[in-house]
Amino acid sequence: MVKLRLKVGPKGQIIIPKPLREAYNIVEGGSVIIEPREDGILIRRVMDIDELISWISKRRKKLKGIVGRLGDLVEIDLEWEFEK
């Protein structure tokens, strides 16, 4: 694993190096999520809506009906199910 040392600017900003931005498709105007962790922070790219829909479609094809449809859980009381 590569470790990089970055300088923090006066407003707490860091610059993500270009090779990492390209590798993880982080683009100007895009969004990232910063998640606090016990040992530091995790920075993740946020998928745009088209990319997310494509990922969901591919995932559903891969699962081939193993998982029910989204509306199938409407009639189920999940708290009761977990108490069993």
C-alpha atoms as a PDB file:
ATOM      1  CA  MET A   1       0.000   0.000   0.000  1.00  0.00           C
ATOM      2  CA  VAL A   2       1.303   3.414  -0.961  1.00  0.00           C
ATOM      3  CA  LYS A   3       1.307   6.120   1.679  1.00  0.00           C
ATOM      4  CA  LEU A   4       1.501   9.788   0.755  1.00  0.00           C
ATOM      5  CA  ARG A   5       2.280  12.702   2.988  1.00  0.00           C
ATOM      6  CA  LEU A   6       0.180  15.749   2.076  1.00  0.00           C
ATOM      7  CA  LYS A   7       0.344  19.295   3.387  1.00  0.00           C
ATOM      8  CA  VAL A   8      -2.770  20.781   4.879  1.00  0.00           C
ATOM      9  CA  GLY A   9      -3.619  24.287   3.684  1.00  0.00           C
ATOM     10  CA  PRO A  10      -4.717  27.219   5.855  1.00  0.00           C
ATOM     11  CA  LYS A  11      -8.410  26.298   5.540  1.00  0.00           C
ATOM     12  CA  GLY A  12      -7.819  22.603   6.273  1.00  0.00           C
ATOM     13  CA  GLN A  13      -7.741  21.720   2.585  1.00  0.00           C
ATOM     14  CA  ILE A  14      -5.664  18.945   1.071  1.00  0.00           C
ATOM     15  CA  ILE A  15      -4.974  18.271  -2.595  1.00  0.00           C
ATOM     16  CA  ILE A  16      -5.591  14.722  -3.763  1.00  0.00           C
ATOM     17  CA  PRO A  17      -2.772  13.913  -6.207  1.00  0.00           C
ATOM     18  CA  LYS A  18      -3.779  13.603  -9.869  1.00  0.00           C
ATOM     19  CA  PRO A  19      -2.948   9.877 -10.236  1.00  0.00           C
ATOM     20  CA  LEU A  20      -5.276   9.078  -7.327  1.00  0.00           C
ATOM     21  CA  ARG A  21      -8.045  11.355  -8.634  1.00  0.00           C
ATOM     22  CA  GLU A  22      -7.828   9.631 -12.014  1.00  0.00           C
ATOM     23  CA  ALA A  23      -7.670   6.136 -10.531  1.00  0.00           C
ATOM     24  CA  TYR A  24     -10.777   6.715  -8.403  1.00  0.00           C
ATOM     25  CA  ASN A  25     -12.612   8.970 -10.873  1.00  0.00           C
ATOM     26  CA  ILE A  26     -12.719  11.967  -8.553  1.00  0.00           C
ATOM     27  CA  VAL A  27     -13.495  14.934 -10.767  1.00  0.00           C
ATOM     28  CA  GLU A  28     -13.747  18.684 -10.295  1.00  0.00           C
ATOM     29  CA  GLY A  29     -17.234  19.554  -9.135  1.00  0.00           C
ATOM     30  CA  GLY A  30     -17.808  15.968  -7.982  1.00  0.00           C
ATOM     31  CA  SER A  31     -18.465  14.962  -4.402  1.00  0.00           C
ATOM     32  CA  VAL A  32     -16.637  12.835  -1.886  1.00  0.00           C
ATOM     33  CA  ILE A  33     -17.695  11.381   1.439  1.00  0.00           C
ATOM     34  CA  ILE A  34     -15.430  11.739   4.448  1.00  0.00           C
ATOM     35  CA  GLU A  35     -15.985   9.008   7.006  1.00  0.00           C
ATOM     36  CA  PRO A  36     -14.384   9.237  10.454  1.00  0.00           C
ATOM     37  CA  ARG A  37     -12.595   6.065  11.514  1.00  0.00           C
ATOM     38  CA  GLU A  38     -10.885   5.094  14.735  1.00  0.00           C
ATOM     39  CA  ASP A  39      -7.440   5.363  13.128  1.00  0.00           C
ATOM     40  CA  GLY A  40      -8.084   8.334  10.806  1.00  0.00           C
ATOM     41  CA  ILE A  41     -10.488   9.323   8.054  1.00  0.00           C
ATOM     42  CA  LEU A  42     -11.646   7.585   4.883  1.00  0.00           C
ATOM     43  CA  ILE A  43     -12.326   9.603   1.722  1.00  0.00           C
ATOM     44  CA  ARG A  44     -14.665   8.006  -0.834  1.00  0.00           C
ATOM     45  CA  ARG A  45     -15.960   9.151  -4.176  1.00  0.00           C
ATOM     46  CA  VAL A  46     -19.732   9.522  -4.491  1.00  0.00           C
ATOM     47  CA  MET A  47     -21.169   7.771  -7.559  1.00  0.00           C
ATOM     48  CA  ASP A  48     -23.252   9.918  -9.872  1.00  0.00           C
ATOM     49  CA  ILE A  49     -26.841   8.760 -10.414  1.00  0.00           C
ATOM     50  CA  ASP A  50     -26.223   7.151 -13.840  1.00  0.00           C
ATOM     51  CA  GLU A  51     -23.276   5.186 -12.496  1.00  0.00           C
ATOM     52  CA  LEU A  52     -25.303   4.083  -9.476  1.00  0.00           C
ATOM     53  CA  ILE A  53     -28.227   2.899 -11.622  1.00  0.00           C
ATOM     54  CA  SER A  54     -25.829   0.979 -13.852  1.00  0.00           C
ATOM     55  CA  TRP A  55     -24.200  -0.665 -10.817  1.00  0.00           C
ATOM     56  CA  ILE A  56     -27.603  -1.655  -9.391  1.00  0.00           C
ATOM     57  CA  SER A  57     -28.690  -3.144 -12.741  1.00  0.00           C
ATOM     58  CA  LYS A  58     -25.506  -5.203 -13.040  1.00  0.00           C
ATOM     59  CA  ARG A  59     -25.835  -6.368  -9.442  1.00  0.00           C
ATOM     60  CA  ARG A  60     -29.468  -7.455  -9.947  1.00  0.00           C
ATOM     61  CA  LYS A  61     -28.514  -9.446 -13.053  1.00  0.00           C
ATOM     62  CA  LYS A  62     -25.698 -11.110 -11.122  1.00  0.00           C
ATOM     63  CA  LEU A  63     -28.028 -12.095  -8.267  1.00  0.00           C
ATOM     64  CA  LYS A  64     -30.658 -13.432 -10.733  1.00  0.00           C
ATOM     65  CA  GLY A  65     -33.680 -13.107  -8.500  1.00  0.00           C
ATOM     66  CA  ILE A  66     -32.021 -14.365  -5.309  1.00  0.00           C
ATOM     67  CA  VAL A  67     -33.119 -11.166  -3.601  1.00  0.00           C
ATOM     68  CA  GLY A  68     -36.764 -10.092  -3.661  1.00  0.00           C
ATOM     69  CA  ARG A  69     -38.072  -6.869  -5.087  1.00  0.00           C
ATOM     70  CA  LEU A  70     -37.846  -3.645  -3.087  1.00  0.00           C
ATOM     71  CA  GLY A  71     -41.578  -3.522  -2.338  1.00  0.00           C
ATOM     72  CA  ASP A  72     -41.623  -7.086  -0.958  1.00  0.00           C
ATOM     73  CA  LEU A  73     -40.674  -5.868   2.525  1.00  0.00           C
ATOM     74  CA  VAL A  74     -43.635  -3.486   2.845  1.00  0.00           C
ATOM     75  CA  GLU A  75     -45.888  -6.118   4.445  1.00  0.00           C
ATOM     76  CA  ILE A  76     -43.219  -7.475   6.831  1.00  0.00           C
ATOM     77  CA  ASP A  77     -42.742  -6.217  10.385  1.00  0.00           C
ATOM     78  CA  LEU A  78     -38.942  -6.343  10.567  1.00  0.00           C
ATOM     79  CA  GLU A  79     -38.826  -5.790  14.338  1.00  0.00           C
ATOM     80  CA  TRP A  80     -41.001  -8.873  14.837  1.00  0.00           C
ATOM     81  CA  GLU A  81     -38.862 -10.867  12.376  1.00  0.00           C
ATOM     82  CA  PHE A  82     -35.651 -10.045  14.282  1.00  0.00           C
ATOM     83  CA  GLU A  83     -37.190 -10.980  17.646  1.00  0.00           C
ATOM     84  CA  LYS A  84     -37.692 -14.582  16.462  1.00  0.00           C
END
